[in-house]
Amino acid sequence: MKRVQIKRIYDPPETSDGFRVLVDRIWPRGMKKETAAIDVWMKEVAPSTDLRKWFNHEPGKWAAFSKTYKAELKKSPVMNELMEYIKKHKTITLLYSAKDEQHNQAVVLQQFINERLK
């Protein structure tokens, strides 16, 4: 069974993370590339700039953000690339930089991937 988990990029890397994918469009503030320990940075899988700016991590916009982001993911050609990484690795960790652990794009992306894996 494939495991897709999410984690803040600022949390220390662990061997249980498996293949580490950064899913932010913008490089995380204060994070050095050498210490990020990422296997791939897929900024194209992140929400569009317009959607990210509109959402602005406001929980009141969460439902609309999730729905719009999932619609973007359905049309995204890089989703196929991400799914290939998932096929090749037993465990994938989607990394994000947002402070809010319940309302961020990695949560939506994880749900979207798990729906596709069923």
PDB file of N, CA and C in Angstrom:
ATOM      1  N   MET A   1       0.847  -1.199   0.000  1.00  0.00           N
ATOM      2  CA  MET A   1       0.000   0.000   0.000  1.00  0.00           C
ATOM      3  C   MET A   1       0.882   1.249   0.000  1.00  0.00           C
ATOM      4  N   LYS A   2       0.523   2.179  -0.850  1.00  0.00           N
ATOM      5  CA  LYS A   2       1.256   3.442  -0.940  1.00  0.00           C
ATOM      6  C   LYS A   2       0.865   4.341   0.221  1.00  0.00           C
ATOM      7  N   ARG A   3       1.839   5.076   0.745  1.00  0.00           N
ATOM      8  CA  ARG A   3       1.545   5.999   1.833  1.00  0.00           C
ATOM      9  C   ARG A   3       1.958   7.407   1.411  1.00  0.00           C
ATOM     10  N   VAL A   4       0.982   8.309   1.436  1.00  0.00           N
ATOM     11  CA  VAL A   4       1.231   9.714   1.110  1.00  0.00           C
ATOM     12  C   VAL A   4       0.955  10.498   2.385  1.00  0.00           C
ATOM     13  N   GLN A   5       2.010  11.093   2.926  1.00  0.00           N
ATOM     14  CA  GLN A   5       1.872  11.863   4.162  1.00  0.00           C
ATOM     15  C   GLN A   5       2.298  13.301   3.927  1.00  0.00           C
ATOM     16  N   ILE A   6       1.952  14.162   4.871  1.00  0.00           N
ATOM     17  CA  ILE A   6       2.335  15.568   4.755  1.00  0.00           C
ATOM     18  C   ILE A   6       3.106  15.990   5.998  1.00  0.00           C
ATOM     19  N   LYS A   7       3.944  17.017   5.807  1.00  0.00           N
ATOM     20  CA  LYS A   7       4.818  17.457   6.893  1.00  0.00           C
ATOM     21  C   LYS A   7       5.320  18.865   6.589  1.00  0.00           C
ATOM     22  N   ARG A   8       5.513  19.654   7.638  1.00  0.00           N
ATOM     23  CA  ARG A   8       6.111  20.975   7.445  1.00  0.00           C
ATOM     24  C   ARG A   8       7.587  20.806   7.087  1.00  0.00           C
ATOM     25  N   ILE A   9       8.061  21.577   6.145  1.00  0.00           N
ATOM     26  CA  ILE A   9       9.458  21.496   5.722  1.00  0.00           C
ATOM     27  C   ILE A   9      10.405  21.869   6.856  1.00  0.00           C
ATOM     28  N   TYR A  10       9.915  22.632   7.825  1.00  0.00           N
ATOM     29  CA  TYR A  10      10.751  23.065   8.941  1.00  0.00           C
ATOM     30  C   TYR A  10      10.945  21.967   9.993  1.00  0.00           C
ATOM     31  N   ASP A  11      10.140  20.895   9.917  1.00  0.00           N
ATOM     32  CA  ASP A  11      10.328  19.757  10.823  1.00  0.00           C
ATOM     33  C   ASP A  11      11.521  18.946  10.332  1.00  0.00           C
ATOM     34  N   PRO A  12      12.313  18.369  11.245  1.00  0.00           N
ATOM     35  CA  PRO A  12      13.512  17.631  10.824  1.00  0.00           C
ATOM     36  C   PRO A  12      13.180  16.451   9.915  1.00  0.00           C
ATOM     37  N   PRO A  13      14.005  16.233   8.883  1.00  0.00           N
ATOM     38  CA  PRO A  13      13.790  15.073   8.008  1.00  0.00           C
ATOM     39  C   PRO A  13      14.010  13.771   8.784  1.00  0.00           C
ATOM     40  N   GLU A  14      13.238  12.751   8.415  1.00  0.00           N
ATOM     41  CA  GLU A  14      13.371  11.437   9.036  1.00  0.00           C
ATOM     42  C   GLU A  14      13.386  10.378   7.947  1.00  0.00           C
ATOM     43  N   THR A  15      13.990   9.238   8.236  1.00  0.00           N
ATOM     44  CA  THR A  15      14.037   8.171   7.228  1.00  0.00           C
ATOM     45  C   THR A  15      12.632   7.694   6.879  1.00  0.00           C
ATOM     46  N   SER A  16      11.691   7.786   7.834  1.00  0.00           N
ATOM     47  CA  SER A  16      10.311   7.364   7.580  1.00  0.00           C
ATOM     48  C   SER A  16       9.579   8.283   6.590  1.00  0.00           C
ATOM     49  N   ASP A  17      10.200   9.430   6.226  1.00  0.00           N
ATOM     50  CA  ASP A  17       9.597  10.339   5.248  1.00  0.00           C
ATOM     51  C   ASP A  17       9.573   9.729   3.853  1.00  0.00           C
ATOM     52  N   GLY A  18      10.487   8.829   3.582  1.00  0.00           N
ATOM     53  CA  GLY A  18      10.578   8.265   2.234  1.00  0.00           C
ATOM     54  C   GLY A  18      10.996   9.336   1.238  1.00  0.00           C
ATOM     55  N   PHE A  19      10.320   9.386   0.096  1.00  0.00           N
ATOM     56  CA  PHE A  19      10.614  10.346  -0.978  1.00  0.00           C
ATOM     57  C   PHE A  19       9.982  11.686  -0.615  1.00  0.00           C
ATOM     58  N   ARG A  20      10.802  12.726  -0.496  1.00  0.00           N
ATOM     59  CA  ARG A  20      10.338  14.032  -0.012  1.00  0.00           C
ATOM     60  C   ARG A  20      10.113  15.002  -1.173  1.00  0.00           C
ATOM     61  N   VAL A  21       8.859  15.504  -1.271  1.00  0.00           N
ATOM     62  CA  VAL A  21       8.451  16.383  -2.371  1.00  0.00           C
ATOM     63  C   VAL A  21       7.980  17.724  -1.802  1.00  0.00           C
ATOM     64  N   LEU A  22       8.676  18.795  -2.152  1.00  0.00           N
ATOM     65  CA  LEU A  22       8.237  20.136  -1.751  1.00  0.00           C
ATOM     66  C   LEU A  22       7.128  20.569  -2.706  1.00  0.00           C
ATOM     67  N   VAL A  23       5.962  20.946  -2.147  1.00  0.00           N
ATOM     68  CA  VAL A  23       4.799  21.296  -2.974  1.00  0.00           C
ATOM     69  C   VAL A  23       4.395  22.760  -2.810  1.00  0.00           C
ATOM     70  N   ASP A  24       5.344  23.621  -2.495  1.00  0.00           N
ATOM     71  CA  ASP A  24       5.123  25.068  -2.414  1.00  0.00           C
ATOM     72  C   ASP A  24       5.596  25.711  -3.703  1.00  0.00           C
ATOM     73  N   ARG A  25       4.898  26.750  -4.144  1.00  0.00           N
ATOM     74  CA  ARG A  25       5.306  27.477  -5.350  1.00  0.00           C
ATOM     75  C   ARG A  25       6.528  28.358  -5.069  1.00  0.00           C
ATOM     76  N   ILE A  26       6.613  28.851  -3.834  1.00  0.00           N
ATOM     77  CA  ILE A  26       7.706  29.750  -3.438  1.00  0.00           C
ATOM     78  C   ILE A  26       8.600  28.996  -2.457  1.00  0.00           C
ATOM     79  N   TRP A  27       9.921  29.181  -2.596  1.00  0.00           N
ATOM     80  CA  TRP A  27      10.854  28.514  -1.686  1.00  0.00           C
ATOM     81  C   TRP A  27      10.577  28.962  -0.242  1.00  0.00           C
ATOM     82  N   PRO A  28      10.565  28.020   0.718  1.00  0.00           N
ATOM     83  CA  PRO A  28      10.252  28.353   2.121  1.00  0.00           C
ATOM     84  C   PRO A  28      11.230  29.364   2.726  1.00  0.00           C
ATOM     85  N   ARG A  29      10.667  30.364   3.368  1.00  0.00           N
ATOM     86  CA  ARG A  29      11.441  31.442   3.988  1.00  0.00           C
ATOM     87  C   ARG A  29      12.425  30.891   5.020  1.00  0.00           C
ATOM     88  N   GLY A  30      13.675  31.311   4.910  1.00  0.00           N
ATOM     89  CA  GLY A  30      14.687  30.939   5.894  1.00  0.00           C
ATOM     90  C   GLY A  30      15.232  29.530   5.757  1.00  0.00           C
ATOM     91  N   MET A  31      14.787  28.788   4.758  1.00  0.00           N
ATOM     92  CA  MET A  31      15.226  27.389   4.589  1.00  0.00           C
ATOM     93  C   MET A  31      16.359  27.336   3.567  1.00  0.00           C
ATOM     94  N   LYS A  32      17.487  26.758   3.973  1.00  0.00           N
ATOM     95  CA  LYS A  32      18.610  26.590   3.051  1.00  0.00           C
ATOM     96  C   LYS A  32      18.364  25.340   2.194  1.00  0.00           C
ATOM     97  N   LYS A  33      18.704  25.428   0.922  1.00  0.00           N
ATOM     98  CA  LYS A  33      18.502  24.291   0.022  1.00  0.00           C
ATOM     99  C   LYS A  33      19.247  23.052   0.527  1.00  0.00           C
ATOM    100  N   GLU A  34      20.419  23.261   1.141  1.00  0.00           N
ATOM    101  CA  GLU A  34      21.233  22.145   1.626  1.00  0.00           C
ATOM    102  C   GLU A  34      20.554  21.408   2.786  1.00  0.00           C
ATOM    103  N   THR A  35      19.814  22.129   3.615  1.00  0.00           N
ATOM    104  CA  THR A  35      19.203  21.497   4.793  1.00  0.00           C
ATOM    105  C   THR A  35      17.755  21.056   4.547  1.00  0.00           C
ATOM    106  N   ALA A  36      17.190  21.395   3.413  1.00  0.00           N
ATOM    107  CA  ALA A  36      15.789  21.061   3.123  1.00  0.00           C
ATOM    108  C   ALA A  36      15.582  19.556   2.941  1.00  0.00           C
ATOM    109  N   ALA A  37      16.613  18.861   2.500  1.00  0.00           N
ATOM    110  CA  ALA A  37      16.557  17.406   2.296  1.00  0.00           C
ATOM    111  C   ALA A  37      15.354  16.996   1.442  1.00  0.00           C
ATOM    112  N   ILE A  38      15.164  17.685   0.318  1.00  0.00           N
ATOM    113  CA  ILE A  38      14.062  17.313  -0.571  1.00  0.00           C
ATOM    114  C   ILE A  38      14.609  16.484  -1.734  1.00  0.00           C
ATOM    115  N   ASP A  39      13.769  15.600  -2.235  1.00  0.00           N
ATOM    116  CA  ASP A  39      14.148  14.815  -3.409  1.00  0.00           C
ATOM    117  C   ASP A  39      13.751  15.537  -4.686  1.00  0.00           C
ATOM    118  N   VAL A  40      12.624  16.259  -4.625  1.00  0.00           N
ATOM    119  CA  VAL A  40      12.172  17.019  -5.793  1.00  0.00           C
ATOM    120  C   VAL A  40      11.301  18.182  -5.318  1.00  0.00           C
ATOM    121  N   TRP A  41      11.411  19.299  -6.043  1.00  0.00           N
ATOM    122  CA  TRP A  41      10.575  20.469  -5.777  1.00  0.00           C
ATOM    123  C   TRP A  41       9.596  20.577  -6.936  1.00  0.00           C
ATOM    124  N   MET A  42       8.313  20.365  -6.657  1.00  0.00           N
ATOM    125  CA  MET A  42       7.282  20.414  -7.698  1.00  0.00           C
ATOM    126  C   MET A  42       6.425  21.658  -7.500  1.00  0.00           C
ATOM    127  N   LYS A  43       7.008  22.813  -7.821  1.00  0.00           N
ATOM    128  CA  LYS A  43       6.263  24.062  -7.608  1.00  0.00           C
ATOM    129  C   LYS A  43       5.044  24.171  -8.512  1.00  0.00           C
ATOM    130  N   GLU A  44       5.047  23.475  -9.653  1.00  0.00           N
ATOM    131  CA  GLU A  44       3.922  23.554 -10.592  1.00  0.00           C
ATOM    132  C   GLU A  44       2.676  22.844 -10.062  1.00  0.00           C
ATOM    133  N   VAL A  45       2.839  21.978  -9.043  1.00  0.00           N
ATOM    134  CA  VAL A  45       1.687  21.271  -8.486  1.00  0.00           C
ATOM    135  C   VAL A  45       1.003  22.117  -7.402  1.00  0.00           C
ATOM    136  N   ALA A  46       1.646  23.185  -6.991  1.00  0.00           N
ATOM    137  CA  ALA A  46       1.085  24.100  -5.986  1.00  0.00           C
ATOM    138  C   ALA A  46      -0.080  24.894  -6.600  1.00  0.00           C
ATOM    139  N   PRO A  47      -0.905  25.490  -5.749  1.00  0.00           N
ATOM    140  CA  PRO A  47      -2.000  26.324  -6.281  1.00  0.00           C
ATOM    141  C   PRO A  47      -1.439  27.465  -7.138  1.00  0.00           C
ATOM    142  N   SER A  48      -2.240  27.898  -8.106  1.00  0.00           N
ATOM    143  CA  SER A  48      -1.833  29.030  -8.940  1.00  0.00           C
ATOM    144  C   SER A  48      -1.562  30.246  -8.054  1.00  0.00           C
ATOM    145  N   THR A  49      -0.755  31.152  -8.539  1.00  0.00           N
ATOM    146  CA  THR A  49      -0.419  32.357  -7.777  1.00  0.00           C
ATOM    147  C   THR A  49      -1.674  33.127  -7.396  1.00  0.00           C
ATOM    148  N   ASP A  50      -2.612  33.275  -8.343  1.00  0.00           N
ATOM    149  CA  ASP A  50      -3.854  33.998  -8.061  1.00  0.00           C
ATOM    150  C   ASP A  50      -4.648  33.325  -6.938  1.00  0.00           C
ATOM    151  N   LEU A  51      -4.758  31.995  -6.993  1.00  0.00           N
ATOM    152  CA  LEU A  51      -5.509  31.268  -5.969  1.00  0.00           C
ATOM    153  C   LEU A  51      -4.810  31.373  -4.612  1.00  0.00           C
ATOM    154  N   ARG A  52      -3.505  31.223  -4.603  1.00  0.00           N
ATOM    155  CA  ARG A  52      -2.725  31.309  -3.358  1.00  0.00           C
ATOM    156  C   ARG A  52      -2.897  32.675  -2.702  1.00  0.00           C
ATOM    157  N   LYS A  53      -2.799  33.732  -3.506  1.00  0.00           N
ATOM    158  CA  LYS A  53      -2.938  35.099  -2.971  1.00  0.00           C
ATOM    159  C   LYS A  53      -4.360  35.353  -2.479  1.00  0.00           C
ATOM    160  N   TRP A  54      -5.361  34.854  -3.235  1.00  0.00           N
ATOM    161  CA  TRP A  54      -6.755  35.040  -2.832  1.00  0.00           C
ATOM    162  C   TRP A  54      -7.027  34.330  -1.503  1.00  0.00           C
ATOM    163  N   PHE A  55      -6.572  33.075  -1.378  1.00  0.00           N
ATOM    164  CA  PHE A  55      -6.816  32.276  -0.174  1.00  0.00           C
ATOM    165  C   PHE A  55      -6.149  32.906   1.053  1.00  0.00           C
ATOM    166  N   ASN A  56      -4.881  33.270   0.908  1.00  0.00           N
ATOM    167  CA  ASN A  56      -4.142  33.973   1.963  1.00  0.00           C
ATOM    168  C   ASN A  56      -4.243  33.256   3.313  1.00  0.00           C
ATOM    169  N   HIS A  57      -4.378  31.940   3.297  1.00  0.00           N
ATOM    170  CA  HIS A  57      -4.464  31.114   4.515  1.00  0.00           C
ATOM    171  C   HIS A  57      -5.574  31.564   5.467  1.00  0.00           C
ATOM    172  N   GLU A  58      -6.695  32.012   4.888  1.00  0.00           N
ATOM    173  CA  GLU A  58      -7.853  32.414   5.690  1.00  0.00           C
ATOM    174  C   GLU A  58      -8.804  31.217   5.808  1.00  0.00           C
ATOM    175  N   PRO A  59      -8.960  30.653   7.018  1.00  0.00           N
ATOM    176  CA  PRO A  59      -9.804  29.469   7.192  1.00  0.00           C
ATOM    177  C   PRO A  59     -11.232  29.629   6.661  1.00  0.00           C
ATOM    178  N   GLY A  60     -11.767  30.832   6.669  1.00  0.00           N
ATOM    179  CA  GLY A  60     -13.114  31.071   6.149  1.00  0.00           C
ATOM    180  C   GLY A  60     -13.239  30.811   4.655  1.00  0.00           C
ATOM    181  N   LYS A  61     -12.116  30.826   3.937  1.00  0.00           N
ATOM    182  CA  LYS A  61     -12.106  30.584   2.487  1.00  0.00           C
ATOM    183  C   LYS A  61     -11.726  29.138   2.154  1.00  0.00           C
ATOM    184  N   TRP A  62     -11.561  28.302   3.192  1.00  0.00           N
ATOM    185  CA  TRP A  62     -11.028  26.949   3.017  1.00  0.00           C
ATOM    186  C   TRP A  62     -11.825  26.105   2.032  1.00  0.00           C
ATOM    187  N   ALA A  63     -13.145  26.053   2.177  1.00  0.00           N
ATOM    188  CA  ALA A  63     -13.975  25.205   1.299  1.00  0.00           C
ATOM    189  C   ALA A  63     -13.839  25.627  -0.158  1.00  0.00           C
ATOM    190  N   ALA A  64     -13.919  26.925  -0.409  1.00  0.00           N
ATOM    191  CA  ALA A  64     -13.797  27.429  -1.789  1.00  0.00           C
ATOM    192  C   ALA A  64     -12.387  27.195  -2.324  1.00  0.00           C
ATOM    193  N   PHE A  65     -11.387  27.402  -1.475  1.00  0.00           N
ATOM    194  CA  PHE A  65      -9.999  27.159  -1.881  1.00  0.00           C
ATOM    195  C   PHE A  65      -9.811  25.694  -2.276  1.00  0.00           C
ATOM    196  N   SER A  66     -10.277  24.776  -1.422  1.00  0.00           N
ATOM    197  CA  SER A  66     -10.117  23.338  -1.686  1.00  0.00           C
ATOM    198  C   SER A  66     -10.749  22.940  -3.007  1.00  0.00           C
ATOM    199  N   LYS A  67     -11.967  23.406  -3.227  1.00  0.00           N
ATOM    200  CA  LYS A  67     -12.696  23.066  -4.459  1.00  0.00           C
ATOM    201  C   LYS A  67     -11.962  23.608  -5.693  1.00  0.00           C
ATOM    202  N   THR A  68     -11.517  24.855  -5.632  1.00  0.00           N
ATOM    203  CA  THR A  68     -10.829  25.474  -6.770  1.00  0.00           C
ATOM    204  C   THR A  68      -9.478  24.816  -7.020  1.00  0.00           C
ATOM    205  N   TYR A  69      -8.754  24.529  -5.949  1.00  0.00           N
ATOM    206  CA  TYR A  69      -7.442  23.891  -6.098  1.00  0.00           C
ATOM    207  C   TYR A  69      -7.582  22.491  -6.690  1.00  0.00           C
ATOM    208  N   LYS A  70      -8.578  21.729  -6.252  1.00  0.00           N
ATOM    209  CA  LYS A  70      -8.799  20.391  -6.828  1.00  0.00           C
ATOM    210  C   LYS A  70      -9.119  20.489  -8.320  1.00  0.00           C
ATOM    211  N   ALA A  71      -9.866  21.522  -8.706  1.00  0.00           N
ATOM    212  CA  ALA A  71     -10.165  21.736 -10.133  1.00  0.00           C
ATOM    213  C   ALA A  71      -8.876  22.027 -10.899  1.00  0.00           C
ATOM    214  N   GLU A  72      -7.976  22.813 -10.296  1.00  0.00           N
ATOM    215  CA  GLU A  72      -6.673  23.083 -10.928  1.00  0.00           C
ATOM    216  C   GLU A  72      -5.870  21.788 -11.064  1.00  0.00           C
ATOM    217  N   LEU A  73      -5.888  20.971 -10.025  1.00  0.00           N
ATOM    218  CA  LEU A  73      -5.121  19.719 -10.044  1.00  0.00           C
ATOM    219  C   LEU A  73      -5.620  18.771 -11.129  1.00  0.00           C
ATOM    220  N   LYS A  74      -6.936  18.743 -11.358  1.00  0.00           N
ATOM    221  CA  LYS A  74      -7.503  17.867 -12.389  1.00  0.00           C
ATOM    222  C   LYS A  74      -6.964  18.221 -13.776  1.00  0.00           C
ATOM    223  N   LYS A  75      -6.658  19.503 -13.995  1.00  0.00           N
ATOM    224  CA  LYS A  75      -6.159  19.958 -15.299  1.00  0.00           C
ATOM    225  C   LYS A  75      -4.632  19.993 -15.366  1.00  0.00           C
ATOM    226  N   SER A  76      -3.976  19.733 -14.248  1.00  0.00           N
ATOM    227  CA  SER A  76      -2.524  19.904 -14.165  1.00  0.00           C
ATOM    228  C   SER A  76      -1.749  18.761 -14.816  1.00  0.00           C
ATOM    229  N   PRO A  77      -0.906  19.078 -15.813  1.00  0.00           N
ATOM    230  CA  PRO A  77      -0.099  18.031 -16.442  1.00  0.00           C
ATOM    231  C   PRO A  77       0.973  17.466 -15.494  1.00  0.00           C
ATOM    232  N   VAL A  78       1.376  18.220 -14.481  1.00  0.00           N
ATOM    233  CA  VAL A  78       2.414  17.723 -13.565  1.00  0.00           C
ATOM    234  C   VAL A  78       1.871  16.703 -12.556  1.00  0.00           C
ATOM    235  N   MET A  79       0.551  16.591 -12.445  1.00  0.00           N
ATOM    236  CA  MET A  79      -0.020  15.563 -11.560  1.00  0.00           C
ATOM    237  C   MET A  79       0.421  14.171 -12.012  1.00  0.00           C
ATOM    238  N   ASN A  80       0.509  13.973 -13.326  1.00  0.00           N
ATOM    239  CA  ASN A  80       0.959  12.673 -13.839  1.00  0.00           C
ATOM    240  C   ASN A  80       2.390  12.384 -13.388  1.00  0.00           C
ATOM    241  N   GLU A  81       3.223  13.407 -13.396  1.00  0.00           N
ATOM    242  CA  GLU A  81       4.611  13.256 -12.947  1.00  0.00           C
ATOM    243  C   GLU A  81       4.642  12.891 -11.454  1.00  0.00           C
ATOM    244  N   LEU A  82       3.837  13.569 -10.663  1.00  0.00           N
ATOM    245  CA  LEU A  82       3.774  13.280  -9.236  1.00  0.00           C
ATOM    246  C   LEU A  82       3.269  11.854  -8.996  1.00  0.00           C
ATOM    247  N   MET A  83       2.269  11.436  -9.754  1.00  0.00           N
ATOM    248  CA  MET A  83       1.740  10.077  -9.608  1.00  0.00           C
ATOM    249  C   MET A  83       2.799   9.028  -9.971  1.00  0.00           C
ATOM    250  N   GLU A  84       3.681   9.347 -10.906  1.00  0.00           N
ATOM    251  CA  GLU A  84       4.781   8.439 -11.256  1.00  0.00           C
ATOM    252  C   GLU A  84       5.739   8.275 -10.073  1.00  0.00           C
ATOM    253  N   TYR A  85       6.052   9.379  -9.394  1.00  0.00           N
ATOM    254  CA  TYR A  85       6.898   9.300  -8.190  1.00  0.00           C
ATOM    255  C   TYR A  85       6.222   8.417  -7.143  1.00  0.00           C
ATOM    256  N   ILE A  86       4.910   8.569  -7.000  1.00  0.00           N
ATOM    257  CA  ILE A  86       4.162   7.793  -6.008  1.00  0.00           C
ATOM    258  C   ILE A  86       4.206   6.304  -6.362  1.00  0.00           C
ATOM    259  N   LYS A  87       4.114   5.976  -7.654  1.00  0.00           N
ATOM    260  CA  LYS A  87       4.184   4.571  -8.083  1.00  0.00           C
ATOM    261  C   LYS A  87       5.555   3.965  -7.768  1.00  0.00           C
ATOM    262  N   LYS A  88       6.615   4.791  -7.869  1.00  0.00           N
ATOM    263  CA  LYS A  88       7.982   4.298  -7.692  1.00  0.00           C
ATOM    264  C   LYS A  88       8.406   4.181  -6.227  1.00  0.00           C
ATOM    265  N   HIS A  89       7.728   4.864  -5.333  1.00  0.00           N
ATOM    266  CA  HIS A  89       8.152   4.904  -3.930  1.00  0.00           C
ATOM    267  C   HIS A  89       7.025   4.460  -3.012  1.00  0.00           C
ATOM    268  N   LYS A  90       7.369   3.695  -1.988  1.00  0.00           N
ATOM    269  CA  LYS A  90       6.374   3.188  -1.041  1.00  0.00           C
ATOM    270  C   LYS A  90       5.786   4.325  -0.207  1.00  0.00           C
ATOM    271  N   THR A  91       6.659   5.242   0.220  1.00  0.00           N
ATOM    272  CA  THR A  91       6.221   6.366   1.054  1.00  0.00           C
ATOM    273  C   THR A  91       6.650   7.680   0.413  1.00  0.00           C
ATOM    274  N   ILE A  92       5.705   8.604   0.333  1.00  0.00           N
ATOM    275  CA  ILE A  92       5.951   9.949  -0.192  1.00  0.00           C
ATOM    276  C   ILE A  92       5.544  10.931   0.897  1.00  0.00           C
ATOM    277  N   THR A  93       6.382  11.925   1.127  1.00  0.00           N
ATOM    278  CA  THR A  93       6.015  12.996   2.057  1.00  0.00           C
ATOM    279  C   THR A  93       5.929  14.302   1.284  1.00  0.00           C
ATOM    280  N   LEU A  94       4.732  14.902   1.323  1.00  0.00           N
ATOM    281  CA  LEU A  94       4.505  16.201   0.697  1.00  0.00           C
ATOM    282  C   LEU A  94       4.885  17.274   1.711  1.00  0.00           C
ATOM    283  N   LEU A  95       5.834  18.105   1.348  1.00  0.00           N
ATOM    284  CA  LEU A  95       6.346  19.132   2.259  1.00  0.00           C
ATOM    285  C   LEU A  95       5.767  20.496   1.934  1.00  0.00           C
ATOM    286  N   TYR A  96       5.404  21.229   2.975  1.00  0.00           N
ATOM    287  CA  TYR A  96       4.838  22.567   2.818  1.00  0.00           C
ATOM    288  C   TYR A  96       5.421  23.462   3.905  1.00  0.00           C
ATOM    289  N   SER A  97       5.293  24.774   3.728  1.00  0.00           N
ATOM    290  CA  SER A  97       5.870  25.701   4.703  1.00  0.00           C
ATOM    291  C   SER A  97       4.835  26.434   5.549  1.00  0.00           C
ATOM    292  N   ALA A  98       3.554  26.337   5.209  1.00  0.00           N
ATOM    293  CA  ALA A  98       2.505  27.078   5.929  1.00  0.00           C
ATOM    294  C   ALA A  98       2.509  26.759   7.420  1.00  0.00           C
ATOM    295  N   LYS A  99       2.216  27.772   8.231  1.00  0.00           N
ATOM    296  CA  LYS A  99       2.119  27.577   9.686  1.00  0.00           C
ATOM    297  C   LYS A  99       0.862  26.797  10.052  1.00  0.00           C
ATOM    298  N   ASP A 100      -0.220  27.025   9.308  1.00  0.00           N
ATOM    299  CA  ASP A 100      -1.500  26.371   9.575  1.00  0.00           C
ATOM    300  C   ASP A 100      -1.450  24.937   9.044  1.00  0.00           C
ATOM    301  N   GLU A 101      -1.469  23.974   9.955  1.00  0.00           N
ATOM    302  CA  GLU A 101      -1.325  22.577   9.555  1.00  0.00           C
ATOM    303  C   GLU A 101      -2.624  21.944   9.058  1.00  0.00           C
ATOM    304  N   GLN A 102      -3.771  22.616   9.264  1.00  0.00           N
ATOM    305  CA  GLN A 102      -5.053  22.080   8.792  1.00  0.00           C
ATOM    306  C   GLN A 102      -5.521  22.716   7.486  1.00  0.00           C
ATOM    307  N   HIS A 103      -5.076  23.945   7.222  1.00  0.00           N
ATOM    308  CA  HIS A 103      -5.563  24.687   6.052  1.00  0.00           C
ATOM    309  C   HIS A 103      -4.389  25.082   5.153  1.00  0.00           C
ATOM    310  N   ASN A 104      -3.906  24.126   4.360  1.00  0.00           N
ATOM    311  CA  ASN A 104      -2.829  24.426   3.409  1.00  0.00           C
ATOM    312  C   ASN A 104      -2.958  23.491   2.207  1.00  0.00           C
ATOM    313  N   GLN A 105      -2.251  23.822   1.145  1.00  0.00           N
ATOM    314  CA  GLN A 105      -2.402  23.075  -0.109  1.00  0.00           C
ATOM    315  C   GLN A 105      -1.994  21.616   0.014  1.00  0.00           C
ATOM    316  N   ALA A 106      -1.066  21.277   0.908  1.00  0.00           N
ATOM    317  CA  ALA A 106      -0.634  19.879   1.039  1.00  0.00           C
ATOM    318  C   ALA A 106      -1.781  18.995   1.537  1.00  0.00           C
ATOM    319  N   VAL A 107      -2.642  19.540   2.397  1.00  0.00           N
ATOM    320  CA  VAL A 107      -3.811  18.800   2.896  1.00  0.00           C
ATOM    321  C   VAL A 107      -4.727  18.447   1.716  1.00  0.00           C
ATOM    322  N   VAL A 108      -5.002  19.428   0.873  1.00  0.00           N
ATOM    323  CA  VAL A 108      -5.874  19.216  -0.293  1.00  0.00           C
ATOM    324  C   VAL A 108      -5.213  18.259  -1.278  1.00  0.00           C
ATOM    325  N   LEU A 109      -3.934  18.450  -1.524  1.00  0.00           N
ATOM    326  CA  LEU A 109      -3.195  17.598  -2.464  1.00  0.00           C
ATOM    327  C   LEU A 109      -3.175  16.147  -1.979  1.00  0.00           C
ATOM    328  N   GLN A 110      -2.958  15.948  -0.682  1.00  0.00           N
ATOM    329  CA  GLN A 110      -2.967  14.599  -0.118  1.00  0.00           C
ATOM    330  C   GLN A 110      -4.337  13.934  -0.328  1.00  0.00           C
ATOM    331  N   GLN A 111      -5.425  14.666  -0.074  1.00  0.00           N
ATOM    332  CA  GLN A 111      -6.781  14.132  -0.290  1.00  0.00           C
ATOM    333  C   GLN A 111      -6.981  13.780  -1.760  1.00  0.00           C
ATOM    334  N   PHE A 112      -6.560  14.684  -2.643  1.00  0.00           N
ATOM    335  CA  PHE A 112      -6.716  14.495  -4.086  1.00  0.00           C
ATOM    336  C   PHE A 112      -5.979  13.232  -4.545  1.00  0.00           C
ATOM    337  N   ILE A 113      -4.752  13.064  -4.069  1.00  0.00           N
ATOM    338  CA  ILE A 113      -3.941  11.880  -4.444  1.00  0.00           C
ATOM    339  C   ILE A 113      -4.585  10.611  -3.917  1.00  0.00           C
ATOM    340  N   ASN A 114      -4.999  10.622  -2.649  1.00  0.00           N
ATOM    341  CA  ASN A 114      -5.614   9.423  -2.062  1.00  0.00           C
ATOM    342  C   ASN A 114      -6.883   9.029  -2.799  1.00  0.00           C
ATOM    343  N   GLU A 115      -7.660  10.011  -3.276  1.00  0.00           N
ATOM    344  CA  GLU A 115      -8.852   9.721  -4.081  1.00  0.00           C
ATOM    345  C   GLU A 115      -8.461   9.047  -5.399  1.00  0.00           C
ATOM    346  N   ARG A 116      -7.368   9.517  -6.002  1.00  0.00           N
ATOM    347  CA  ARG A 116      -6.903   8.923  -7.274  1.00  0.00           C
ATOM    348  C   ARG A 116      -6.334   7.520  -7.079  1.00  0.00           C
ATOM    349  N   LEU A 117      -5.776   7.252  -5.904  1.00  0.00           N
ATOM    350  CA  LEU A 117      -5.173   5.938  -5.654  1.00  0.00           C
ATOM    351  C   LEU A 117      -6.221   4.856  -5.369  1.00  0.00           C
ATOM    352  N   LYS A 118      -7.437   5.247  -5.041  1.00  0.00           N
ATOM    353  CA  LYS A 118      -8.490   4.250  -4.713  1.00  0.00           C
ATOM    354  C   LYS A 118      -8.927   3.483  -5.941  1.00  0.00           C
TER     355      LYS A 118
END
